[in-house]
Amino acid sequence: TALADQAVCVGGPKPEDSYLNAQRIISAALATGAQAIHPGYGFL
């Protein structure tokens, strides 16, 4: 969160409330003007 240019909280500690919450992640991308999403590994 410190190394990125922006950081957005997408939910609670449980993965299903945050890193697995597809709609919240999509909303964060649209709200910040991101053009693409890199999912890394695991989660989504």
PDB file of all heavy atoms in Angstrom:
ATOM      1  N   THR A   1       0.830  -1.209   0.000  1.00  0.00           N
ATOM      2  CA  THR A   1       0.000   0.000   0.000  1.00  0.00           C
ATOM      3  C   THR A   1       0.867   1.263   0.000  1.00  0.00           C
ATOM      4  O   THR A   1       0.468   2.303  -0.517  1.00  0.00           O
ATOM      5  CB  THR A   1      -0.946   0.032   1.213  1.00  0.00           C
ATOM      6  OG1 THR A   1      -0.176   0.177   2.411  1.00  0.00           O
ATOM      7  CG2 THR A   1      -1.758  -1.246   1.290  1.00  0.00           C
ATOM      8  N   ALA A   2       2.052   1.156   0.592  1.00  0.00           N
ATOM      9  CA  ALA A   2       2.954   2.306   0.649  1.00  0.00           C
ATOM     10  C   ALA A   2       3.701   2.510  -0.670  1.00  0.00           C
ATOM     11  O   ALA A   2       4.009   3.644  -1.048  1.00  0.00           O
ATOM     12  CB  ALA A   2       3.954   2.131   1.791  1.00  0.00           C
ATOM     13  N   LEU A   3       3.990   1.414  -1.369  1.00  0.00           N
ATOM     14  CA  LEU A   3       4.782   1.515  -2.598  1.00  0.00           C
ATOM     15  C   LEU A   3       3.957   1.922  -3.810  1.00  0.00           C
ATOM     16  O   LEU A   3       4.494   2.476  -4.774  1.00  0.00           O
ATOM     17  CB  LEU A   3       5.473   0.176  -2.880  1.00  0.00           C
ATOM     18  CG  LEU A   3       6.555  -0.246  -1.885  1.00  0.00           C
ATOM     19  CD1 LEU A   3       7.130  -1.609  -2.266  1.00  0.00           C
ATOM     20  CD2 LEU A   3       7.673   0.794  -1.822  1.00  0.00           C
ATOM     21  N   ALA A   4       2.665   1.660  -3.786  1.00  0.00           N
ATOM     22  CA  ALA A   4       1.814   2.029  -4.923  1.00  0.00           C
ATOM     23  C   ALA A   4       1.557   3.540  -4.941  1.00  0.00           C
ATOM     24  O   ALA A   4       1.679   4.214  -3.920  1.00  0.00           O
ATOM     25  CB  ALA A   4       0.496   1.269  -4.842  1.00  0.00           C
ATOM     26  N   ASP A   5       1.180   4.057  -6.096  1.00  0.00           N
ATOM     27  CA  ASP A   5       0.875   5.489  -6.213  1.00  0.00           C
ATOM     28  C   ASP A   5      -0.433   5.838  -5.522  1.00  0.00           C
ATOM     29  O   ASP A   5      -0.602   6.944  -5.011  1.00  0.00           O
ATOM     30  CB  ASP A   5       0.796   5.880  -7.691  1.00  0.00           C
ATOM     31  CG  ASP A   5       2.134   5.695  -8.405  1.00  0.00           C
ATOM     32  OD1 ASP A   5       3.079   6.432  -8.067  1.00  0.00           O
ATOM     33  OD2 ASP A   5       2.235   4.811  -9.264  1.00  0.00           O
ATOM     34  N   GLN A   6      -1.384   4.893  -5.525  1.00  0.00           N
ATOM     35  CA  GLN A   6      -2.643   5.062  -4.823  1.00  0.00           C
ATOM     36  C   GLN A   6      -2.984   3.753  -4.125  1.00  0.00           C
ATOM     37  O   GLN A   6      -2.540   2.679  -4.548  1.00  0.00           O
ATOM     38  CB  GLN A   6      -3.781   5.402  -5.798  1.00  0.00           C
ATOM     39  CG  GLN A   6      -3.671   6.760  -6.465  1.00  0.00           C
ATOM     40  CD  GLN A   6      -4.773   6.935  -7.503  1.00  0.00           C
ATOM     41  OE1 GLN A   6      -4.557   6.714  -8.693  1.00  0.00           O
ATOM     42  NE2 GLN A   6      -5.963   7.334  -7.065  1.00  0.00           N
ATOM     43  N   ALA A   7      -3.784   3.842  -3.052  1.00  0.00           N
ATOM     44  CA  ALA A   7      -4.215   2.638  -2.354  1.00  0.00           C
ATOM     45  C   ALA A   7      -5.666   2.798  -1.944  1.00  0.00           C
ATOM     46  O   ALA A   7      -6.072   3.858  -1.459  1.00  0.00           O
ATOM     47  CB  ALA A   7      -3.340   2.381  -1.128  1.00  0.00           C
ATOM     48  N   VAL A   8      -6.443   1.744  -2.163  1.00  0.00           N
ATOM     49  CA  VAL A   8      -7.883   1.781  -1.888  1.00  0.00           C
ATOM     50  C   VAL A   8      -8.258   0.591  -1.013  1.00  0.00           C
ATOM     51  O   VAL A   8      -7.948  -0.560  -1.348  1.00  0.00           O
ATOM     52  CB  VAL A   8      -8.698   1.723  -3.197  1.00  0.00           C
ATOM     53  CG1 VAL A   8     -10.193   1.739  -2.891  1.00  0.00           C
ATOM     54  CG2 VAL A   8      -8.325   2.867  -4.130  1.00  0.00           C
ATOM     55  N   CYS A   9      -8.918   0.847   0.110  1.00  0.00           N
ATOM     56  CA  CYS A   9      -9.412  -0.231   0.961  1.00  0.00           C
ATOM     57  C   CYS A   9     -10.672  -0.811   0.329  1.00  0.00           C
ATOM     58  O   CYS A   9     -11.595  -0.066  -0.029  1.00  0.00           O
ATOM     59  CB  CYS A   9      -9.722   0.280   2.363  1.00  0.00           C
ATOM     60  SG  CYS A   9     -10.290  -1.022   3.491  1.00  0.00           S
ATOM     61  N   VAL A  10     -10.692  -2.149   0.190  1.00  0.00           N
ATOM     62  CA  VAL A  10     -11.823  -2.791  -0.472  1.00  0.00           C
ATOM     63  C   VAL A  10     -12.620  -3.706   0.457  1.00  0.00           C
ATOM     64  O   VAL A  10     -13.471  -4.470  -0.011  1.00  0.00           O
ATOM     65  CB  VAL A  10     -11.372  -3.574  -1.731  1.00  0.00           C
ATOM     66  CG1 VAL A  10     -10.955  -2.626  -2.831  1.00  0.00           C
ATOM     67  CG2 VAL A  10     -10.256  -4.564  -1.392  1.00  0.00           C
ATOM     68  N   GLY A  11     -12.357  -3.661   1.766  1.00  0.00           N
ATOM     69  CA  GLY A  11     -13.182  -4.461   2.659  1.00  0.00           C
ATOM     70  C   GLY A  11     -12.460  -4.998   3.865  1.00  0.00           C
ATOM     71  O   GLY A  11     -11.321  -4.614   4.165  1.00  0.00           O
ATOM     72  N   GLY A  12     -13.131  -5.905   4.552  1.00  0.00           N
ATOM     73  CA  GLY A  12     -12.627  -6.475   5.791  1.00  0.00           C
ATOM     74  C   GLY A  12     -11.509  -7.475   5.589  1.00  0.00           C
ATOM     75  O   GLY A  12     -11.114  -7.767   4.465  1.00  0.00           O
ATOM     76  N   PRO A  13     -10.997  -8.025   6.696  1.00  0.00           N
ATOM     77  CA  PRO A  13      -9.836  -8.917   6.632  1.00  0.00           C
ATOM     78  C   PRO A  13     -10.068 -10.210   5.861  1.00  0.00           C
ATOM     79  O   PRO A  13      -9.154 -10.716   5.209  1.00  0.00           O
ATOM     80  CB  PRO A  13      -9.548  -9.220   8.106  1.00  0.00           C
ATOM     81  CG  PRO A  13     -10.196  -8.126   8.866  1.00  0.00           C
ATOM     82  CD  PRO A  13     -11.402  -7.751   8.082  1.00  0.00           C
ATOM     83  N   LYS A  14     -11.265 -10.772   5.921  1.00  0.00           N
ATOM     84  CA  LYS A  14     -11.510 -12.033   5.245  1.00  0.00           C
ATOM     85  C   LYS A  14     -11.410 -11.861   3.730  1.00  0.00           C
ATOM     86  O   LYS A  14     -11.915 -10.872   3.186  1.00  0.00           O
ATOM     87  CB  LYS A  14     -12.888 -12.583   5.628  1.00  0.00           C
ATOM     88  CG  LYS A  14     -13.008 -12.976   7.090  1.00  0.00           C
ATOM     89  CD  LYS A  14     -14.390 -13.525   7.381  1.00  0.00           C
ATOM     90  CE  LYS A  14     -14.515 -13.934   8.852  1.00  0.00           C
ATOM     91  NZ  LYS A  14     -15.876 -14.449   9.169  1.00  0.00           N
ATOM     92  N   PRO A  15     -10.768 -12.812   3.038  1.00  0.00           N
ATOM     93  CA  PRO A  15     -10.599 -12.681   1.582  1.00  0.00           C
ATOM     94  C   PRO A  15     -11.901 -12.432   0.832  1.00  0.00           C
ATOM     95  O   PRO A  15     -11.939 -11.624  -0.102  1.00  0.00           O
ATOM     96  CB  PRO A  15      -9.970 -14.021   1.191  1.00  0.00           C
ATOM     97  CG  PRO A  15      -9.244 -14.464   2.414  1.00  0.00           C
ATOM     98  CD  PRO A  15     -10.096 -14.018   3.557  1.00  0.00           C
ATOM     99  N   GLU A  16     -12.991 -13.093   1.255  1.00  0.00           N
ATOM    100  CA  GLU A  16     -14.255 -12.919   0.536  1.00  0.00           C
ATOM    101  C   GLU A  16     -14.812 -11.507   0.672  1.00  0.00           C
ATOM    102  O   GLU A  16     -15.646 -11.070  -0.136  1.00  0.00           O
ATOM    103  CB  GLU A  16     -15.291 -13.940   1.013  1.00  0.00           C
ATOM    104  CG  GLU A  16     -15.599 -13.907   2.490  1.00  0.00           C
ATOM    105  CD  GLU A  16     -14.767 -14.872   3.307  1.00  0.00           C
ATOM    106  OE1 GLU A  16     -13.610 -15.143   2.919  1.00  0.00           O
ATOM    107  OE2 GLU A  16     -15.261 -15.351   4.357  1.00  0.00           O
ATOM    108  N   ASP A  17     -14.346 -10.781   1.680  1.00  0.00           N
ATOM    109  CA  ASP A  17     -14.798  -9.401   1.875  1.00  0.00           C
ATOM    110  C   ASP A  17     -13.896  -8.383   1.189  1.00  0.00           C
ATOM    111  O   ASP A  17     -14.217  -7.193   1.166  1.00  0.00           O
ATOM    112  CB  ASP A  17     -14.860  -9.069   3.368  1.00  0.00           C
ATOM    113  CG  ASP A  17     -15.883  -9.905   4.113  1.00  0.00           C
ATOM    114  OD1 ASP A  17     -16.884 -10.287   3.484  1.00  0.00           O
ATOM    115  OD2 ASP A  17     -15.670 -10.182   5.304  1.00  0.00           O
ATOM    116  N   SER A  18     -12.777  -8.832   0.652  1.00  0.00           N
ATOM    117  CA  SER A  18     -11.814  -7.882   0.086  1.00  0.00           C
ATOM    118  C   SER A  18     -11.199  -8.396  -1.211  1.00  0.00           C
ATOM    119  O   SER A  18     -11.672  -8.090  -2.305  1.00  0.00           O
ATOM    120  CB  SER A  18     -10.728  -7.560   1.123  1.00  0.00           C
ATOM    121  OG  SER A  18     -10.181  -8.758   1.676  1.00  0.00           O
ATOM    122  N   TYR A  19     -10.154  -9.221  -1.096  1.00  0.00           N
ATOM    123  CA  TYR A  19      -9.402  -9.627  -2.281  1.00  0.00           C
ATOM    124  C   TYR A  19     -10.168 -10.575  -3.203  1.00  0.00           C
ATOM    125  O   TYR A  19      -9.794 -10.747  -4.362  1.00  0.00           O
ATOM    126  CB  TYR A  19      -8.075 -10.271  -1.861  1.00  0.00           C
ATOM    127  CG  TYR A  19      -7.194  -9.330  -1.078  1.00  0.00           C
ATOM    128  CD1 TYR A  19      -6.984  -9.524   0.291  1.00  0.00           C
ATOM    129  CD2 TYR A  19      -6.591  -8.238  -1.684  1.00  0.00           C
ATOM    130  CE1 TYR A  19      -6.179  -8.665   1.018  1.00  0.00           C
ATOM    131  CE2 TYR A  19      -5.790  -7.360  -0.961  1.00  0.00           C
ATOM    132  CZ  TYR A  19      -5.601  -7.581   0.396  1.00  0.00           C
ATOM    133  OH  TYR A  19      -4.802  -6.722   1.119  1.00  0.00           O
ATOM    134  N   LEU A  20     -11.247 -11.162  -2.705  1.00  0.00           N
ATOM    135  CA  LEU A  20     -12.094 -12.003  -3.546  1.00  0.00           C
ATOM    136  C   LEU A  20     -13.400 -11.313  -3.919  1.00  0.00           C
ATOM    137  O   LEU A  20     -14.251 -11.923  -4.571  1.00  0.00           O
ATOM    138  CB  LEU A  20     -12.406 -13.331  -2.831  1.00  0.00           C
ATOM    139  CG  LEU A  20     -11.245 -14.318  -2.716  1.00  0.00           C
ATOM    140  CD1 LEU A  20     -11.649 -15.515  -1.864  1.00  0.00           C
ATOM    141  CD2 LEU A  20     -10.785 -14.786  -4.091  1.00  0.00           C
ATOM    142  N   ASN A  21     -13.537 -10.061  -3.527  1.00  0.00           N
ATOM    143  CA  ASN A  21     -14.757  -9.315  -3.830  1.00  0.00           C
ATOM    144  C   ASN A  21     -14.587  -8.609  -5.179  1.00  0.00           C
ATOM    145  O   ASN A  21     -14.066  -7.495  -5.264  1.00  0.00           O
ATOM    146  CB  ASN A  21     -15.060  -8.305  -2.724  1.00  0.00           C
ATOM    147  CG  ASN A  21     -16.461  -7.730  -2.844  1.00  0.00           C
ATOM    148  OD1 ASN A  21     -16.890  -7.319  -3.910  1.00  0.00           O
ATOM    149  ND2 ASN A  21     -17.176  -7.708  -1.728  1.00  0.00           N
ATOM    150  N   ALA A  22     -15.032  -9.286  -6.220  1.00  0.00           N
ATOM    151  CA  ALA A  22     -14.795  -8.793  -7.588  1.00  0.00           C
ATOM    152  C   ALA A  22     -15.415  -7.424  -7.834  1.00  0.00           C
ATOM    153  O   ALA A  22     -14.779  -6.543  -8.441  1.00  0.00           O
ATOM    154  CB  ALA A  22     -15.345  -9.807  -8.592  1.00  0.00           C
ATOM    155  N   GLN A  23     -16.636  -7.204  -7.368  1.00  0.00           N
ATOM    156  CA  GLN A  23     -17.308  -5.925  -7.638  1.00  0.00           C
ATOM    157  C   GLN A  23     -16.591  -4.756  -6.980  1.00  0.00           C
ATOM    158  O   GLN A  23     -16.466  -3.680  -7.568  1.00  0.00           O
ATOM    159  CB  GLN A  23     -18.765  -5.995  -7.163  1.00  0.00           C
ATOM    160  CG  GLN A  23     -19.677  -6.844  -8.038  1.00  0.00           C
ATOM    161  CD  GLN A  23     -19.932  -6.222  -9.406  1.00  0.00           C
ATOM    162  OE1 GLN A  23     -19.536  -5.087  -9.675  1.00  0.00           O
ATOM    163  NE2 GLN A  23     -20.582  -6.973 -10.291  1.00  0.00           N
ATOM    164  N   ARG A  24     -16.083  -4.955  -5.755  1.00  0.00           N
ATOM    165  CA  ARG A  24     -15.376  -3.859  -5.087  1.00  0.00           C
ATOM    166  C   ARG A  24     -14.060  -3.540  -5.795  1.00  0.00           C
ATOM    167  O   ARG A  24     -13.657  -2.375  -5.886  1.00  0.00           O
ATOM    168  CB  ARG A  24     -15.121  -4.217  -3.622  1.00  0.00           C
ATOM    169  CG  ARG A  24     -16.381  -4.216  -2.777  1.00  0.00           C
ATOM    170  CD  ARG A  24     -16.090  -4.524  -1.319  1.00  0.00           C
ATOM    171  NE  ARG A  24     -17.315  -4.578  -0.536  1.00  0.00           N
ATOM    172  CZ  ARG A  24     -17.376  -4.892   0.745  1.00  0.00           C
ATOM    173  NH1 ARG A  24     -16.247  -5.188   1.400  1.00  0.00           N
ATOM    174  NH2 ARG A  24     -18.525  -4.926   1.395  1.00  0.00           N
ATOM    175  N   ILE A  25     -13.400  -4.570  -6.288  1.00  0.00           N
ATOM    176  CA  ILE A  25     -12.138  -4.340  -7.004  1.00  0.00           C
ATOM    177  C   ILE A  25     -12.390  -3.641  -8.331  1.00  0.00           C
ATOM    178  O   ILE A  25     -11.667  -2.709  -8.712  1.00  0.00           O
ATOM    179  CB  ILE A  25     -11.387  -5.673  -7.188  1.00  0.00           C
ATOM    180  CG1 ILE A  25     -10.876  -6.162  -5.833  1.00  0.00           C
ATOM    181  CG2 ILE A  25     -10.232  -5.522  -8.174  1.00  0.00           C
ATOM    182  CD1 ILE A  25     -10.288  -7.546  -5.850  1.00  0.00           C
ATOM    183  N   ILE A  26     -13.436  -4.044  -9.037  1.00  0.00           N
ATOM    184  CA  ILE A  26     -13.812  -3.366 -10.281  1.00  0.00           C
ATOM    185  C   ILE A  26     -14.140  -1.902  -9.989  1.00  0.00           C
ATOM    186  O   ILE A  26     -13.697  -0.986 -10.714  1.00  0.00           O
ATOM    187  CB  ILE A  26     -15.022  -4.064 -10.936  1.00  0.00           C
ATOM    188  CG1 ILE A  26     -14.656  -5.463 -11.429  1.00  0.00           C
ATOM    189  CG2 ILE A  26     -15.582  -3.206 -12.075  1.00  0.00           C
ATOM    190  CD1 ILE A  26     -13.806  -5.517 -12.659  1.00  0.00           C
ATOM    191  N   SER A  27     -14.905  -1.657  -8.936  1.00  0.00           N
ATOM    192  CA  SER A  27     -15.264  -0.283  -8.569  1.00  0.00           C
ATOM    193  C   SER A  27     -14.032   0.558  -8.262  1.00  0.00           C
ATOM    194  O   SER A  27     -13.946   1.733  -8.655  1.00  0.00           O
ATOM    195  CB  SER A  27     -16.200  -0.290  -7.351  1.00  0.00           C
ATOM    196  OG  SER A  27     -17.422  -0.926  -7.658  1.00  0.00           O
ATOM    197  N   ALA A  28     -13.047  -0.048  -7.562  1.00  0.00           N
ATOM    198  CA  ALA A  28     -11.806   0.676  -7.238  1.00  0.00           C
ATOM    199  C   ALA A  28     -11.049   1.037  -8.508  1.00  0.00           C
ATOM    200  O   ALA A  28     -10.494   2.137  -8.634  1.00  0.00           O
ATOM    201  CB  ALA A  28     -10.933  -0.174  -6.322  1.00  0.00           C
ATOM    202  N   ALA A  29     -11.029   0.132  -9.467  1.00  0.00           N
ATOM    203  CA  ALA A  29     -10.341   0.397 -10.737  1.00  0.00           C
ATOM    204  C   ALA A  29     -11.014   1.530 -11.492  1.00  0.00           C
ATOM    205  O   ALA A  29     -10.353   2.448 -12.009  1.00  0.00           O
ATOM    206  CB  ALA A  29     -10.305  -0.868 -11.587  1.00  0.00           C
ATOM    207  N   LEU A  30     -12.336   1.504 -11.556  1.00  0.00           N
ATOM    208  CA  LEU A  30     -13.069   2.556 -12.285  1.00  0.00           C
ATOM    209  C   LEU A  30     -12.931   3.903 -11.583  1.00  0.00           C
ATOM    210  O   LEU A  30     -12.751   4.938 -12.229  1.00  0.00           O
ATOM    211  CB  LEU A  30     -14.540   2.158 -12.406  1.00  0.00           C
ATOM    212  CG  LEU A  30     -14.837   0.899 -13.244  1.00  0.00           C
ATOM    213  CD1 LEU A  30     -16.318   0.543 -13.157  1.00  0.00           C
ATOM    214  CD2 LEU A  30     -14.422   1.108 -14.697  1.00  0.00           C
ATOM    215  N   ALA A  31     -12.988   3.876 -10.249  1.00  0.00           N
ATOM    216  CA  ALA A  31     -12.921   5.138  -9.493  1.00  0.00           C
ATOM    217  C   ALA A  31     -11.558   5.803  -9.598  1.00  0.00           C
ATOM    218  O   ALA A  31     -11.449   7.042  -9.542  1.00  0.00           O
ATOM    219  CB  ALA A  31     -13.264   4.869  -8.025  1.00  0.00           C
ATOM    220  N   THR A  32     -10.511   5.014  -9.750  1.00  0.00           N
ATOM    221  CA  THR A  32      -9.151   5.579  -9.802  1.00  0.00           C
ATOM    222  C   THR A  32      -8.655   5.794 -11.235  1.00  0.00           C
ATOM    223  O   THR A  32      -7.551   6.287 -11.421  1.00  0.00           O
ATOM    224  CB  THR A  32      -8.165   4.652  -9.075  1.00  0.00           C
ATOM    225  OG1 THR A  32      -8.244   3.335  -9.647  1.00  0.00           O
ATOM    226  CG2 THR A  32      -8.473   4.582  -7.589  1.00  0.00           C
ATOM    227  N   GLY A  33      -9.441   5.390 -12.207  1.00  0.00           N
ATOM    228  CA  GLY A  33      -9.035   5.602 -13.600  1.00  0.00           C
ATOM    229  C   GLY A  33      -8.037   4.595 -14.120  1.00  0.00           C
ATOM    230  O   GLY A  33      -7.356   4.839 -15.125  1.00  0.00           O
ATOM    231  N   ALA A  34      -7.954   3.447 -13.474  1.00  0.00           N
ATOM    232  CA  ALA A  34      -7.063   2.390 -13.980  1.00  0.00           C
ATOM    233  C   ALA A  34      -7.632   1.824 -15.280  1.00  0.00           C
ATOM    234  O   ALA A  34      -8.841   1.721 -15.452  1.00  0.00           O
ATOM    235  CB  ALA A  34      -6.911   1.287 -12.937  1.00  0.00           C
ATOM    236  N   GLN A  35      -6.740   1.472 -16.187  1.00  0.00           N
ATOM    237  CA  GLN A  35      -7.182   0.914 -17.469  1.00  0.00           C
ATOM    238  C   GLN A  35      -7.109  -0.610 -17.485  1.00  0.00           C
ATOM    239  O   GLN A  35      -7.722  -1.245 -18.342  1.00  0.00           O
ATOM    240  CB  GLN A  35      -6.299   1.463 -18.597  1.00  0.00           C
ATOM    241  CG  GLN A  35      -6.349   2.973 -18.715  1.00  0.00           C
ATOM    242  CD  GLN A  35      -4.984   3.554 -19.049  1.00  0.00           C
ATOM    243  OE1 GLN A  35      -3.972   3.141 -18.498  1.00  0.00           O
ATOM    244  NE2 GLN A  35      -4.968   4.509 -19.953  1.00  0.00           N
ATOM    245  N   ALA A  36      -6.340  -1.177 -16.573  1.00  0.00           N
ATOM    246  CA  ALA A  36      -6.130  -2.620 -16.571  1.00  0.00           C
ATOM    247  C   ALA A  36      -5.984  -3.103 -15.133  1.00  0.00           C
ATOM    248  O   ALA A  36      -5.669  -2.320 -14.229  1.00  0.00           O
ATOM    249  CB  ALA A  36      -4.887  -2.981 -17.377  1.00  0.00           C
ATOM    250  N   ILE A  37      -6.209  -4.403 -14.951  1.00  0.00           N
ATOM    251  CA  ILE A  37      -6.073  -5.032 -13.633  1.00  0.00           C
ATOM    252  C   ILE A  37      -5.136  -6.220 -13.750  1.00  0.00           C
ATOM    253  O   ILE A  37      -5.333  -7.100 -14.590  1.00  0.00           O
ATOM    254  CB  ILE A  37      -7.437  -5.504 -13.090  1.00  0.00           C
ATOM    255  CG1 ILE A  37      -8.343  -4.298 -12.833  1.00  0.00           C
ATOM    256  CG2 ILE A  37      -7.254  -6.323 -11.814  1.00  0.00           C
ATOM    257  CD1 ILE A  37      -9.723  -4.664 -12.313  1.00  0.00           C
ATOM    258  N   HIS A  38      -4.106  -6.232 -12.895  1.00  0.00           N
ATOM    259  CA  HIS A  38      -3.212  -7.393 -12.810  1.00  0.00           C
ATOM    260  C   HIS A  38      -3.607  -8.184 -11.570  1.00  0.00           C
ATOM    261  O   HIS A  38      -3.543  -7.676 -10.462  1.00  0.00           O
ATOM    262  CB  HIS A  38      -1.754  -6.960 -12.712  1.00  0.00           C
ATOM    263  CG  HIS A  38      -0.790  -8.075 -13.026  1.00  0.00           C
ATOM    264  ND1 HIS A  38      -0.861  -9.310 -12.419  1.00  0.00           N
ATOM    265  CD2 HIS A  38       0.253  -8.149 -13.903  1.00  0.00           C
ATOM    266  CE1 HIS A  38       0.093 -10.092 -12.897  1.00  0.00           C
ATOM    267  NE2 HIS A  38       0.778  -9.419 -13.803  1.00  0.00           N
ATOM    268  N   PRO A  39      -4.001  -9.472 -11.743  1.00  0.00           N
ATOM    269  CA  PRO A  39      -4.487 -10.235 -10.598  1.00  0.00           C
ATOM    270  C   PRO A  39      -3.410 -10.957  -9.798  1.00  0.00           C
ATOM    271  O   PRO A  39      -3.715 -11.562  -8.764  1.00  0.00           O
ATOM    272  CB  PRO A  39      -5.419 -11.250 -11.253  1.00  0.00           C
ATOM    273  CG  PRO A  39      -4.747 -11.534 -12.564  1.00  0.00           C
ATOM    274  CD  PRO A  39      -4.139 -10.227 -13.003  1.00  0.00           C
ATOM    275  N   GLY A  40      -2.144 -10.951 -10.267  1.00  0.00           N
ATOM    276  CA  GLY A  40      -1.096 -11.684  -9.555  1.00  0.00           C
ATOM    277  C   GLY A  40      -1.341 -13.174  -9.621  1.00  0.00           C
ATOM    278  O   GLY A  40      -1.686 -13.720 -10.665  1.00  0.00           O
ATOM    279  N   TYR A  41      -1.160 -13.862  -8.484  1.00  0.00           N
ATOM    280  CA  TYR A  41      -1.510 -15.283  -8.404  1.00  0.00           C
ATOM    281  C   TYR A  41      -2.423 -15.482  -7.198  1.00  0.00           C
ATOM    282  O   TYR A  41      -2.444 -14.682  -6.264  1.00  0.00           O
ATOM    283  CB  TYR A  41      -0.268 -16.170  -8.306  1.00  0.00           C
ATOM    284  CG  TYR A  41       0.679 -15.839  -7.178  1.00  0.00           C
ATOM    285  CD1 TYR A  41       0.364 -16.145  -5.864  1.00  0.00           C
ATOM    286  CD2 TYR A  41       1.904 -15.225  -7.435  1.00  0.00           C
ATOM    287  CE1 TYR A  41       1.235 -15.832  -4.830  1.00  0.00           C
ATOM    288  CE2 TYR A  41       2.784 -14.915  -6.395  1.00  0.00           C
ATOM    289  CZ  TYR A  41       2.440 -15.222  -5.107  1.00  0.00           C
ATOM    290  OH  TYR A  41       3.288 -14.918  -4.083  1.00  0.00           O
ATOM    291  N   GLY A  42      -3.191 -16.576  -7.184  1.00  0.00           N
ATOM    292  CA  GLY A  42      -4.154 -16.780  -6.115  1.00  0.00           C
ATOM    293  C   GLY A  42      -5.328 -15.825  -6.264  1.00  0.00           C
ATOM    294  O   GLY A  42      -5.500 -15.151  -7.280  1.00  0.00           O
ATOM    295  N   PHE A  43      -6.165 -15.751  -5.241  1.00  0.00           N
ATOM    296  CA  PHE A  43      -7.341 -14.891  -5.226  1.00  0.00           C
ATOM    297  C   PHE A  43      -8.128 -14.999  -6.538  1.00  0.00           C
ATOM    298  O   PHE A  43      -8.616 -16.067  -6.875  1.00  0.00           O
ATOM    299  CB  PHE A  43      -6.959 -13.457  -4.887  1.00  0.00           C
ATOM    300  CG  PHE A  43      -6.440 -13.276  -3.485  1.00  0.00           C
ATOM    301  CD1 PHE A  43      -5.229 -12.650  -3.241  1.00  0.00           C
ATOM    302  CD2 PHE A  43      -7.144 -13.770  -2.385  1.00  0.00           C
ATOM    303  CE1 PHE A  43      -4.741 -12.503  -1.943  1.00  0.00           C
ATOM    304  CE2 PHE A  43      -6.662 -13.626  -1.087  1.00  0.00           C
ATOM    305  CZ  PHE A  43      -5.460 -12.990  -0.868  1.00  0.00           C
ATOM    306  N   LEU A  44      -8.223 -13.910  -7.316  1.00  0.00           N
ATOM    307  CA  LEU A  44      -9.060 -13.893  -8.518  1.00  0.00           C
ATOM    308  C   LEU A  44      -8.289 -14.163  -9.802  1.00  0.00           C
ATOM    309  O   LEU A  44      -8.828 -13.991 -10.898  1.00  0.00           O
ATOM    310  CB  LEU A  44      -9.771 -12.542  -8.625  1.00  0.00           C
ATOM    311  CG  LEU A  44     -10.794 -12.239  -7.516  1.00  0.00           C
ATOM    312  CD1 LEU A  44     -11.247 -10.783  -7.592  1.00  0.00           C
ATOM    313  CD2 LEU A  44     -11.992 -13.166  -7.608  1.00  0.00           C
TER     314      LEU A  44
END
